[in-house]
Amino acid sequence: MSDTAPKRLKKRDVTRATILAAAAGRFAEKGYADCSLRDIAALSGLQAGSVYYHFSSKEELLDEVLKAGIERLTKAVTAAVDALGETASVTEQLRAMIRAHVACFLDPEGDANTYLRIYEYLPPVMKRSPRNSRLAYAKIWFAAFDRGVAAGEFAASIDGTMFVSFLLDSMNGVTEWFRPARMTTDGVCEVIETVMLGGISTASEGAAELQR
């Protein structure tokens, strides 16, 4: 392999990343339907043909933007769990996961925010793409729920698939109703944790039995 190959690869990756960042911002700003590849090329400082070299269509570019968002969510959530250490309870892990996920959507300074803002503006059929990346991310949450049941922290009577699907959909829509003038990210997370974790906790289940 020639010495110039790594340099070409690096330049290609940088150009591709530049296009993705521009596309994410423009999709969120103008909406997917009203945004053209020429818009994205201009914002990237490139010719339209350069965008087509990396992405064959606007649909493919959207898929890659969504994948990039999911990749950033995955890194943030796994890092939050790893930071807790091995002695953390599953409840603590799920609480950290919730905070990491919500922060990715609400932190205007965060890298993930650029790629995730577009999500709320997409029609349902586009939100379901890319399927493989979404399923891989969801499996992290399914696994956490299963660990909680195995550890006796979460109620086995709760349907894990239904719970995780409801939790993720609820958090993904946070940007639609979040009002920074009177809400905080911590406050939003506390509400989600109280409602969601309280609903599956065996401790809450036991308290409910005592009150009967």
Protein backbone atom coordinates (compact mmCIF):
# COMPACT_ATOMS: atom_id res chain seq x y z
CA MET A 1 0.00 0.00 0.00
CA SER A 2 1.37 3.42 -0.90
CA ASP A 3 2.07 6.11 1.68
CA THR A 4 -0.58 8.34 0.11
CA ALA A 5 -3.44 5.87 0.69
CA PRO A 6 -3.91 6.70 4.41
CA LYS A 7 -3.90 10.40 3.55
CA ARG A 8 -6.55 9.91 0.87
CA LEU A 9 -8.63 7.85 3.27
CA LYS A 10 -8.34 10.50 5.97
CA LYS A 11 -9.33 13.27 3.58
CA ARG A 12 -12.31 11.25 2.38
CA ASP A 13 -13.45 10.62 5.94
CA VAL A 14 -13.09 14.29 6.84
CA THR A 15 -15.10 15.35 3.78
CA ARG A 16 -17.76 12.78 4.54
CA ALA A 17 -18.00 13.95 8.16
CA THR A 18 -18.28 17.57 6.99
CA ILE A 19 -21.16 16.68 4.69
CA LEU A 20 -22.94 14.72 7.43
CA ALA A 21 -22.65 17.60 9.90
CA ALA A 22 -23.94 20.07 7.32
CA ALA A 23 -26.81 17.77 6.37
CA ALA A 24 -27.84 17.24 9.99
CA GLY A 25 -27.95 20.97 10.64
CA ARG A 26 -29.77 21.81 7.41
CA PHE A 27 -32.32 18.98 7.79
CA ALA A 28 -33.16 20.23 11.27
CA GLU A 29 -33.30 23.86 10.14
CA LYS A 30 -35.33 23.53 6.93
CA GLY A 31 -36.86 20.07 7.26
CA TYR A 32 -35.98 17.04 5.19
CA ALA A 33 -38.49 17.71 2.40
CA ASP A 34 -37.36 21.32 1.84
CA CYS A 35 -33.65 20.60 1.83
CA SER A 36 -31.70 19.74 -1.32
CA LEU A 37 -28.27 18.23 -1.82
CA ARG A 38 -27.24 21.53 -3.41
CA ASP A 39 -28.09 23.27 -0.10
CA ILE A 40 -25.96 20.77 1.78
CA ALA A 41 -23.10 21.07 -0.70
CA ALA A 42 -23.09 24.86 -0.40
CA LEU A 43 -23.09 24.66 3.39
CA SER A 44 -20.21 22.18 3.22
CA GLY A 45 -18.22 24.41 0.88
CA LEU A 46 -18.35 21.77 -1.83
CA GLN A 47 -19.74 21.31 -5.30
CA ALA A 48 -22.93 19.26 -5.60
CA GLY A 49 -21.00 16.59 -7.49
CA SER A 50 -18.73 16.09 -4.47
CA VAL A 51 -21.74 15.27 -2.31
CA TYR A 52 -23.00 12.76 -4.86
CA TYR A 53 -19.55 11.14 -4.84
CA HIS A 54 -20.02 10.26 -1.17
CA PHE A 55 -23.80 9.80 -1.06
CA SER A 56 -25.93 8.60 -3.97
CA SER A 57 -29.14 10.28 -2.79
CA LYS A 58 -30.71 12.45 -0.14
CA GLU A 59 -32.31 9.33 1.33
CA GLU A 60 -28.91 7.69 1.80
CA LEU A 61 -27.59 10.86 3.40
CA LEU A 62 -30.53 10.92 5.82
CA ASP A 63 -29.86 7.30 6.77
CA GLU A 64 -26.23 8.13 7.51
CA VAL A 65 -27.19 11.17 9.58
CA LEU A 66 -29.57 9.04 11.66
CA LYS A 67 -26.91 6.34 12.05
CA ALA A 68 -24.45 8.99 13.24
CA GLY A 69 -26.97 10.14 15.82
CA ILE A 70 -27.53 6.60 17.08
CA GLU A 71 -23.77 6.01 17.25
CA ARG A 72 -23.41 9.07 19.46
CA LEU A 73 -26.29 7.91 21.66
CA THR A 74 -24.68 4.50 22.00
CA LYS A 75 -21.31 5.96 23.01
CA ALA A 76 -22.90 8.34 25.52
CA VAL A 77 -25.06 5.67 27.15
CA THR A 78 -22.34 3.01 27.38
CA ALA A 79 -19.87 5.56 28.72
CA ALA A 80 -22.36 6.61 31.41
CA VAL A 81 -22.75 3.01 32.56
CA ASP A 82 -19.02 2.30 32.46
CA ALA A 83 -18.34 5.39 34.59
CA LEU A 84 -20.42 3.91 37.42
CA GLY A 85 -18.15 0.93 37.90
CA GLU A 86 -18.96 -2.73 38.44
CA THR A 87 -20.57 -2.27 41.86
CA ALA A 88 -23.44 -0.10 40.57
CA SER A 89 -26.93 -1.52 40.80
CA VAL A 90 -28.95 -1.99 37.63
CA THR A 91 -31.30 0.74 38.82
CA GLU A 92 -28.35 3.13 39.01
CA GLN A 93 -27.24 2.02 35.55
CA LEU A 94 -30.66 2.61 34.02
CA ARG A 95 -30.87 6.01 35.69
CA ALA A 96 -27.50 6.95 34.14
CA MET A 97 -28.65 5.64 30.76
CA ILE A 98 -31.78 7.79 30.88
CA ARG A 99 -29.76 10.89 31.73
CA ALA A 100 -27.24 10.24 28.97
CA HIS A 101 -29.95 9.67 26.37
CA VAL A 102 -31.96 12.76 27.29
CA ALA A 103 -28.83 14.93 27.51
CA CYS A 104 -27.88 13.96 23.95
CA PHE A 105 -31.19 15.36 22.74
CA LEU A 106 -31.26 18.49 24.90
CA ASP A 107 -27.65 19.67 25.17
CA PRO A 108 -27.30 22.37 22.48
CA GLU A 109 -23.52 22.27 22.82
CA GLY A 110 -23.29 18.51 22.46
CA ASP A 111 -22.11 16.89 19.25
CA ALA A 112 -25.02 14.42 19.26
CA ASN A 113 -27.61 17.18 19.39
CA THR A 114 -26.88 18.23 15.81
CA TYR A 115 -27.66 14.76 14.53
CA LEU A 116 -30.70 14.09 16.70
CA ARG A 117 -32.68 17.31 16.30
CA ILE A 118 -33.87 16.18 12.89
CA TYR A 119 -35.63 13.16 14.38
CA GLU A 120 -38.70 15.03 15.59
CA TYR A 121 -39.38 16.47 12.13
CA LEU A 122 -39.41 13.18 10.26
CA PRO A 123 -42.54 11.25 9.27
CA PRO A 124 -42.97 7.90 11.08
CA VAL A 125 -41.75 5.81 8.14
CA MET A 126 -38.43 7.68 8.11
CA LYS A 127 -38.07 7.48 11.89
CA ARG A 128 -37.95 3.71 11.54
CA SER A 129 -34.79 3.93 9.42
CA PRO A 130 -32.04 2.78 9.78
CA ARG A 131 -33.53 -0.35 11.38
CA ASN A 132 -30.35 -2.29 12.22
CA SER A 133 -28.75 0.60 14.10
CA ARG A 134 -31.94 1.27 16.05
CA LEU A 135 -32.31 -2.37 17.03
CA ALA A 136 -28.68 -2.59 18.16
CA TYR A 137 -29.18 0.46 20.37
CA ALA A 138 -32.47 -0.86 21.76
CA LYS A 139 -30.76 -4.13 22.71
CA ILE A 140 -28.61 -2.19 25.19
CA TRP A 141 -31.79 -1.17 26.98
CA PHE A 142 -33.40 -4.61 26.73
CA ALA A 143 -30.27 -6.13 28.25
CA ALA A 144 -30.34 -3.62 31.12
CA PHE A 145 -33.98 -4.42 31.85
CA ASP A 146 -33.26 -8.16 31.82
CA ARG A 147 -30.34 -7.66 34.21
CA GLY A 148 -32.64 -5.75 36.53
CA VAL A 149 -35.19 -8.57 36.54
CA ALA A 150 -32.46 -11.16 37.13
CA ALA A 151 -31.09 -9.08 40.03
CA GLY A 152 -34.54 -8.77 41.57
CA GLU A 153 -34.61 -5.00 41.11
CA PHE A 154 -37.27 -4.88 38.37
CA ALA A 155 -40.64 -6.61 38.41
CA ALA A 156 -40.69 -9.75 36.27
CA SER A 157 -44.38 -9.13 35.59
CA ILE A 158 -43.53 -6.11 33.40
CA ASP A 159 -43.22 -6.79 29.68
CA GLY A 160 -39.65 -5.72 28.89
CA THR A 161 -40.26 -5.11 25.20
CA MET A 162 -43.24 -2.90 25.92
CA PHE A 163 -41.43 -1.00 28.68
CA VAL A 164 -38.27 -0.29 26.70
CA SER A 165 -40.21 0.71 23.57
CA PHE A 166 -42.36 3.10 25.59
CA LEU A 167 -39.36 4.53 27.43
CA LEU A 168 -37.33 5.18 24.27
CA ASP A 169 -40.26 6.71 22.39
CA SER A 170 -40.97 8.98 25.36
CA MET A 171 -37.39 10.19 25.56
CA ASN A 172 -37.01 10.60 21.80
CA GLY A 173 -39.89 13.06 21.79
CA VAL A 174 -38.49 15.24 24.58
CA THR A 175 -37.46 18.06 22.24
CA GLU A 176 -41.09 18.53 21.19
CA TRP A 177 -42.22 19.72 24.62
CA PHE A 178 -39.02 20.79 26.39
CA ARG A 179 -39.10 24.50 27.29
CA PRO A 180 -35.67 25.75 28.42
CA ALA A 181 -37.17 28.90 29.91
CA ARG A 182 -38.91 26.90 32.63
CA MET A 183 -37.40 23.42 32.47
CA THR A 184 -33.95 21.92 32.98
CA THR A 185 -32.40 18.74 31.67
CA ASP A 186 -31.96 17.48 35.24
CA GLY A 187 -35.59 18.23 36.00
CA VAL A 188 -36.79 16.36 32.93
CA CYS A 189 -34.60 13.37 33.80
CA GLU A 190 -35.90 13.31 37.37
CA VAL A 191 -39.49 13.13 36.13
CA ILE A 192 -38.69 10.33 33.68
CA GLU A 193 -36.74 8.41 36.31
CA THR A 194 -39.47 8.75 38.91
CA VAL A 195 -42.24 7.64 36.59
CA MET A 196 -40.39 4.95 34.64
CA LEU A 197 -38.20 3.42 37.33
CA GLY A 198 -40.96 3.70 39.91
CA GLY A 199 -43.22 1.70 37.61
CA ILE A 200 -40.87 -1.29 37.27
CA SER A 201 -39.10 -1.29 40.64
CA THR A 202 -39.75 -4.28 42.90
CA ALA A 203 -39.34 -1.87 45.83
CA SER A 204 -42.35 0.11 44.55
CA GLU A 205 -44.22 -3.14 44.01
CA GLY A 206 -43.60 -4.13 47.61
CA ALA A 207 -44.70 -0.74 48.92
CA ALA A 208 -47.93 -1.00 46.95
CA GLU A 209 -48.64 -4.39 48.52
CA LEU A 210 -48.15 -2.94 52.01
CA GLN A 211 -50.66 -0.18 51.30
CA ARG A 212 -53.40 -2.62 50.33
